Amino acid sequence: MEEADSAFASSSAFAPSAFGARFRSVRRVDVGQGFVEVEQEPPVFGATLDPLGTGSTVWRGGEALAVAFQGDLGPLIQGKRVLELGSGTGIAGLAAAALGAKAVLLTDRPEVLPLLDRNRRRNAWVQSIGGCAVRVAELTWKAKATRLDLAGVVLANLDGPPHCVVAADVLYHADHVAPLADTILALLGLSSSTTGDDRPVAIIACEKHEPIAYAAFLRVLGESASVQRHSQADDGRFDIVLVKPLLRTSSTLVCRR
């Protein structure tokens, strides 16, 4: 994996915090001259699809991306169509909307969508004042995902393929590796841009909750895409990585064989 120099690695956004100190019913993150405010819900531990209760609270990755979007990652979302995977509260996608994205699609599993839509409406100013269209839609990760699998929901809600795919703290289990990696690669494959500067990009911020699974995730992505570490926390347990598709050499719809 390629490495990129970044002063962001020492940012306080990487600093871990105890859950009790981090959790509030409403959490606010500064973005430029304003702020994004999201409602959180107490986690329901032991749920079938989300046993750790991760989908209803703000975690380290979302806040780190909100900081990074105000720095050197800003050009990757400004004026662009952005899709967030596993949005949860929507903090990363809403930060992108507040900081200049053209359109943002927040996605997650069906049971998370009510919270996600409340937070979209809570931050309606990003559309009424900032001019960014924000929508919410169901999108469940799928192993061996193809562009055809995802084109319907994306094009119906984003008015075009995403320039940027965002994901924050979405990898907690080894069995998520293939569905998440394949979904990211298929989303990047929706774009017809193949030149270096125009290629779509995925920005992934993850704490290494399961280091072996995380390493496998990067390895799978690296089989079909360029993977570059943008920044890393001093303790080595948190990364922001950039993923770009390789130059397309085939018209196949399957993103990974």
Protein backbone atom coordinates (compact mmCIF):
# COMPACT_ATOMS: atom_id res chain seq x y z
CA MET A 1 0.00 0.00 0.00
CA GLU A 2 1.28 3.44 -0.92
CA GLU A 3 1.92 6.01 1.79
CA ALA A 4 1.13 9.73 1.65
CA ASP A 5 2.65 12.41 3.86
CA SER A 6 0.01 14.19 5.92
CA ALA A 7 0.07 16.50 8.91
CA PHE A 8 -3.40 15.23 9.66
CA ALA A 9 -1.91 12.16 11.33
CA SER A 10 -1.33 14.17 14.50
CA SER A 11 -4.80 15.72 14.51
CA SER A 12 -6.87 15.49 17.68
CA ALA A 13 -9.59 13.92 15.54
CA PHE A 14 -7.63 10.69 15.85
CA ALA A 15 -7.74 10.80 19.64
CA PRO A 16 -9.87 7.95 21.06
CA SER A 17 -12.46 8.74 23.70
CA ALA A 18 -14.44 6.62 26.10
CA PHE A 19 -17.95 5.80 24.94
CA GLY A 20 -19.53 7.48 27.96
CA ALA A 21 -17.69 10.72 27.22
CA ARG A 22 -18.45 10.56 23.51
CA PHE A 23 -22.13 9.65 23.59
CA ARG A 24 -24.70 12.42 23.78
CA SER A 25 -28.26 12.35 22.50
CA VAL A 26 -27.17 15.11 20.09
CA ARG A 27 -23.62 15.50 18.83
CA ARG A 28 -22.26 18.57 17.06
CA VAL A 29 -19.23 18.74 14.76
CA ASP A 30 -17.79 22.03 13.52
CA VAL A 31 -17.59 22.41 9.74
CA GLY A 32 -16.08 25.62 8.44
CA GLN A 33 -18.02 28.57 9.84
CA GLY A 34 -20.97 26.39 10.83
CA PHE A 35 -21.69 22.98 12.30
CA VAL A 36 -23.43 19.70 11.62
CA GLU A 37 -25.61 18.36 14.40
CA VAL A 38 -26.76 14.75 14.55
CA GLU A 39 -29.10 12.85 16.82
CA GLN A 40 -27.72 9.64 18.31
CA GLU A 41 -29.51 6.67 19.82
CA PRO A 42 -28.21 4.42 22.59
CA PRO A 43 -26.81 1.24 21.05
CA VAL A 44 -28.89 -1.91 21.26
CA PHE A 45 -26.30 -4.57 21.93
CA GLY A 46 -26.98 -8.04 20.59
CA ALA A 47 -29.11 -7.02 17.62
CA THR A 48 -29.03 -9.57 14.80
CA LEU A 49 -27.56 -7.33 12.08
CA ASP A 50 -25.63 -4.96 14.33
CA PRO A 51 -24.65 -6.89 17.48
CA LEU A 52 -22.27 -4.17 18.69
CA GLY A 53 -24.84 -1.38 18.27
CA THR A 54 -22.50 0.62 16.05
CA GLY A 55 -25.00 2.11 13.62
CA SER A 56 -26.67 4.74 15.79
CA THR A 57 -23.75 6.65 17.28
CA VAL A 58 -20.87 8.84 16.09
CA TRP A 59 -17.51 7.10 16.08
CA ARG A 60 -13.90 8.14 15.55
CA GLY A 61 -13.93 7.84 11.76
CA GLY A 62 -16.84 10.18 11.07
CA GLU A 63 -15.34 13.02 13.08
CA ALA A 64 -11.89 12.43 11.54
CA LEU A 65 -13.37 12.75 8.05
CA ALA A 66 -15.16 15.96 9.01
CA VAL A 67 -11.73 17.37 9.91
CA ALA A 68 -10.01 15.96 6.82
CA PHE A 69 -12.66 17.42 4.50
CA GLN A 70 -11.65 20.84 5.83
CA GLY A 71 -8.05 20.12 4.86
CA ASP A 72 -6.34 18.49 1.91
CA LEU A 73 -9.21 16.07 1.23
CA GLY A 74 -11.59 18.96 0.60
CA PRO A 75 -11.08 19.00 -3.21
CA LEU A 76 -12.19 15.35 -3.36
CA ILE A 77 -15.70 16.23 -2.16
CA GLN A 78 -16.19 19.87 -3.20
CA GLY A 79 -18.57 20.14 -6.14
CA LYS A 80 -18.78 16.33 -6.28
CA ARG A 81 -21.45 13.66 -5.95
CA VAL A 82 -20.72 11.82 -2.70
CA LEU A 83 -22.13 8.49 -1.51
CA GLU A 84 -21.63 7.41 2.10
CA LEU A 85 -21.71 3.70 2.92
CA GLY A 86 -22.88 2.54 6.33
CA SER A 87 -23.80 6.12 7.21
CA GLY A 88 -25.22 5.46 10.68
CA THR A 89 -25.90 8.95 11.97
CA GLY A 90 -24.73 10.43 8.67
CA ILE A 91 -22.03 12.58 10.25
CA ALA A 92 -19.41 12.11 7.50
CA GLY A 93 -21.80 12.56 4.59
CA LEU A 94 -23.46 15.58 6.18
CA ALA A 95 -20.04 17.12 6.81
CA ALA A 96 -19.26 16.65 3.11
CA ALA A 97 -22.57 18.32 2.24
CA ALA A 98 -21.80 21.27 4.51
CA LEU A 99 -18.32 21.65 3.06
CA GLY A 100 -19.20 21.98 -0.60
CA ALA A 101 -20.36 18.66 -2.04
CA LYS A 102 -22.77 18.98 -4.97
CA ALA A 103 -25.01 16.08 -3.85
CA VAL A 104 -24.81 13.50 -1.06
CA LEU A 105 -26.50 10.12 -0.76
CA LEU A 106 -26.55 8.67 2.77
CA THR A 107 -27.02 4.89 2.78
CA ASP A 108 -27.41 2.13 5.34
CA ARG A 109 -29.54 -0.87 6.33
CA PRO A 110 -33.33 -0.41 6.57
CA GLU A 111 -33.48 -0.23 10.37
CA VAL A 112 -31.03 2.71 10.44
CA LEU A 113 -32.82 4.84 7.85
CA PRO A 114 -35.31 6.57 10.22
CA LEU A 115 -32.45 8.00 12.32
CA LEU A 116 -30.51 8.87 9.19
CA ASP A 117 -33.46 10.73 7.69
CA ARG A 118 -34.07 12.66 10.91
CA ASN A 119 -30.48 13.84 10.80
CA ARG A 120 -30.84 14.79 7.15
CA ARG A 121 -33.82 16.98 8.05
CA ARG A 122 -32.07 18.31 11.14
CA ASN A 123 -29.34 19.70 8.89
CA ALA A 124 -31.59 20.94 6.10
CA TRP A 125 -29.54 24.13 5.91
CA VAL A 126 -26.89 22.32 3.85
CA GLN A 127 -29.46 22.23 1.03
CA SER A 128 -31.42 25.43 1.60
CA ILE A 129 -28.31 27.57 2.17
CA GLY A 130 -25.41 25.51 0.89
CA GLY A 131 -27.22 24.13 -2.16
CA CYS A 132 -26.25 20.48 -1.62
CA ALA A 133 -29.00 17.96 -2.30
CA VAL A 134 -29.00 15.27 0.43
CA ARG A 135 -30.96 12.04 0.10
CA VAL A 136 -31.28 8.84 2.13
CA ALA A 137 -31.58 5.34 0.67
CA GLU A 138 -31.17 1.71 1.62
CA LEU A 139 -28.00 0.08 0.40
CA THR A 140 -26.87 -3.25 1.79
CA TRP A 141 -23.35 -4.47 1.02
CA LYS A 142 -23.11 -7.54 -1.17
CA ALA A 143 -20.30 -9.97 -1.86
CA LYS A 144 -19.41 -10.14 -5.57
CA ALA A 145 -21.45 -6.98 -6.11
CA THR A 146 -21.67 -5.72 -9.67
CA ARG A 147 -22.31 -2.32 -11.12
CA LEU A 148 -25.73 -3.53 -12.22
CA ASP A 149 -26.58 -4.45 -8.62
CA LEU A 150 -25.99 -0.88 -7.48
CA ALA A 151 -26.83 1.28 -10.49
CA GLY A 152 -30.56 1.47 -9.76
CA VAL A 153 -30.42 2.86 -6.23
CA VAL A 154 -27.46 5.12 -6.99
CA LEU A 155 -28.75 6.69 -10.19
CA ALA A 156 -32.26 7.12 -8.78
CA ASN A 157 -30.98 9.06 -5.78
CA LEU A 158 -27.73 10.69 -6.84
CA ASP A 159 -28.44 11.74 -10.44
CA GLY A 160 -25.21 10.17 -11.63
CA PRO A 161 -22.40 7.89 -10.49
CA PRO A 162 -20.56 8.99 -7.34
CA HIS A 163 -17.32 10.88 -7.73
CA CYS A 164 -16.49 9.97 -4.14
CA VAL A 165 -17.50 7.06 -1.89
CA VAL A 166 -17.11 7.72 1.84
CA ALA A 167 -17.08 5.16 4.65
CA ALA A 168 -16.30 5.72 8.33
CA ASP A 169 -15.75 2.94 10.89
CA VAL A 170 -17.60 0.33 8.88
CA LEU A 171 -15.43 -2.76 9.43
CA TYR A 172 -15.96 -4.67 12.67
CA HIS A 173 -16.12 -8.32 11.55
CA ALA A 174 -14.18 -10.59 9.21
CA ASP A 175 -17.37 -11.57 7.41
CA HIS A 176 -17.81 -7.93 6.33
CA VAL A 177 -14.58 -7.92 4.31
CA ALA A 178 -15.84 -9.31 0.99
CA PRO A 179 -19.27 -7.58 0.96
CA LEU A 180 -17.79 -4.19 1.86
CA ALA A 181 -14.80 -4.40 -0.48
CA ASP A 182 -16.88 -5.65 -3.40
CA THR A 183 -19.51 -2.97 -2.87
CA ILE A 184 -16.89 -0.20 -2.80
CA LEU A 185 -15.24 -1.50 -5.97
CA ALA A 186 -18.57 -1.81 -7.77
CA LEU A 187 -19.54 1.75 -6.80
CA LEU A 188 -16.23 3.08 -8.10
CA GLY A 189 -16.85 1.09 -11.27
CA LEU A 190 -20.05 3.00 -12.02
CA SER A 191 -18.00 5.94 -13.28
CA SER A 192 -16.81 5.99 -16.87
CA SER A 193 -13.83 8.19 -15.96
CA THR A 194 -10.54 6.35 -16.41
CA THR A 195 -7.86 9.07 -16.34
CA GLY A 196 -5.81 9.69 -13.21
CA ASP A 197 -7.32 12.97 -12.07
CA ASP A 198 -10.89 12.11 -13.07
CA ARG A 199 -11.12 8.65 -11.56
CA PRO A 200 -13.58 8.29 -8.67
CA VAL A 201 -12.16 7.77 -5.20
CA ALA A 202 -13.22 6.06 -1.99
CA ILE A 203 -12.21 7.68 1.29
CA ILE A 204 -12.25 5.16 4.11
CA ALA A 205 -11.62 6.05 7.75
CA CYS A 206 -11.41 3.03 10.03
CA GLU A 207 -10.29 2.14 13.49
CA LYS A 208 -8.68 -1.28 13.42
CA HIS A 209 -11.18 -3.05 15.66
CA GLU A 210 -10.20 -6.37 14.05
CA PRO A 211 -6.64 -5.89 12.70
CA ILE A 212 -6.58 -9.18 10.77
CA ALA A 213 -9.91 -8.41 9.10
CA TYR A 214 -8.75 -4.86 8.32
CA ALA A 215 -5.56 -6.12 6.69
CA ALA A 216 -7.59 -8.60 4.63
CA PHE A 217 -9.93 -5.78 3.59
CA LEU A 218 -7.06 -3.65 2.28
CA ARG A 219 -5.56 -6.66 0.54
CA VAL A 220 -8.83 -7.43 -1.28
CA LEU A 221 -9.19 -3.80 -2.35
CA GLY A 222 -5.57 -3.78 -3.51
CA GLU A 223 -6.21 -6.70 -5.87
CA SER A 224 -8.40 -4.46 -8.06
CA ALA A 225 -7.58 -0.87 -7.08
CA SER A 226 -4.88 1.52 -5.99
CA VAL A 227 -4.86 1.81 -2.18
CA GLN A 228 -2.96 4.68 -0.53
CA ARG A 229 -2.74 5.49 3.17
CA HIS A 230 -3.53 9.18 3.55
CA SER A 231 -2.90 9.40 7.29
CA GLN A 232 -2.52 7.27 10.37
CA ALA A 233 -2.94 7.84 14.08
CA ASP A 234 0.18 7.85 16.24
CA ASP A 235 -0.96 4.64 17.94
CA GLY A 236 -1.26 2.90 14.56
CA ARG A 237 -4.83 1.83 15.27
CA PHE A 238 -6.59 4.25 12.95
CA ASP A 239 -6.19 4.93 9.23
CA ILE A 240 -7.63 7.07 6.50
CA VAL A 241 -7.03 5.41 3.13
CA LEU A 242 -7.80 6.48 -0.43
CA VAL A 243 -8.92 3.88 -2.97
CA LYS A 244 -8.97 4.54 -6.72
CA PRO A 245 -9.84 2.07 -9.47
CA LEU A 246 -7.10 0.91 -11.78
CA LEU A 247 -7.40 1.95 -15.42
CA ARG A 248 -10.28 -0.06 -16.82
CA THR A 249 -9.16 -2.75 -19.22
CA SER A 250 -12.37 -4.74 -19.56
CA SER A 251 -16.09 -4.11 -19.90
CA THR A 252 -16.92 -6.83 -17.40
CA LEU A 253 -19.49 -5.90 -14.78
CA VAL A 254 -18.04 -8.05 -12.02
CA CYS A 255 -15.71 -5.94 -9.93
CA ARG A 256 -13.64 -8.80 -8.48
CA ARG A 257 -13.08 -12.35 -9.66
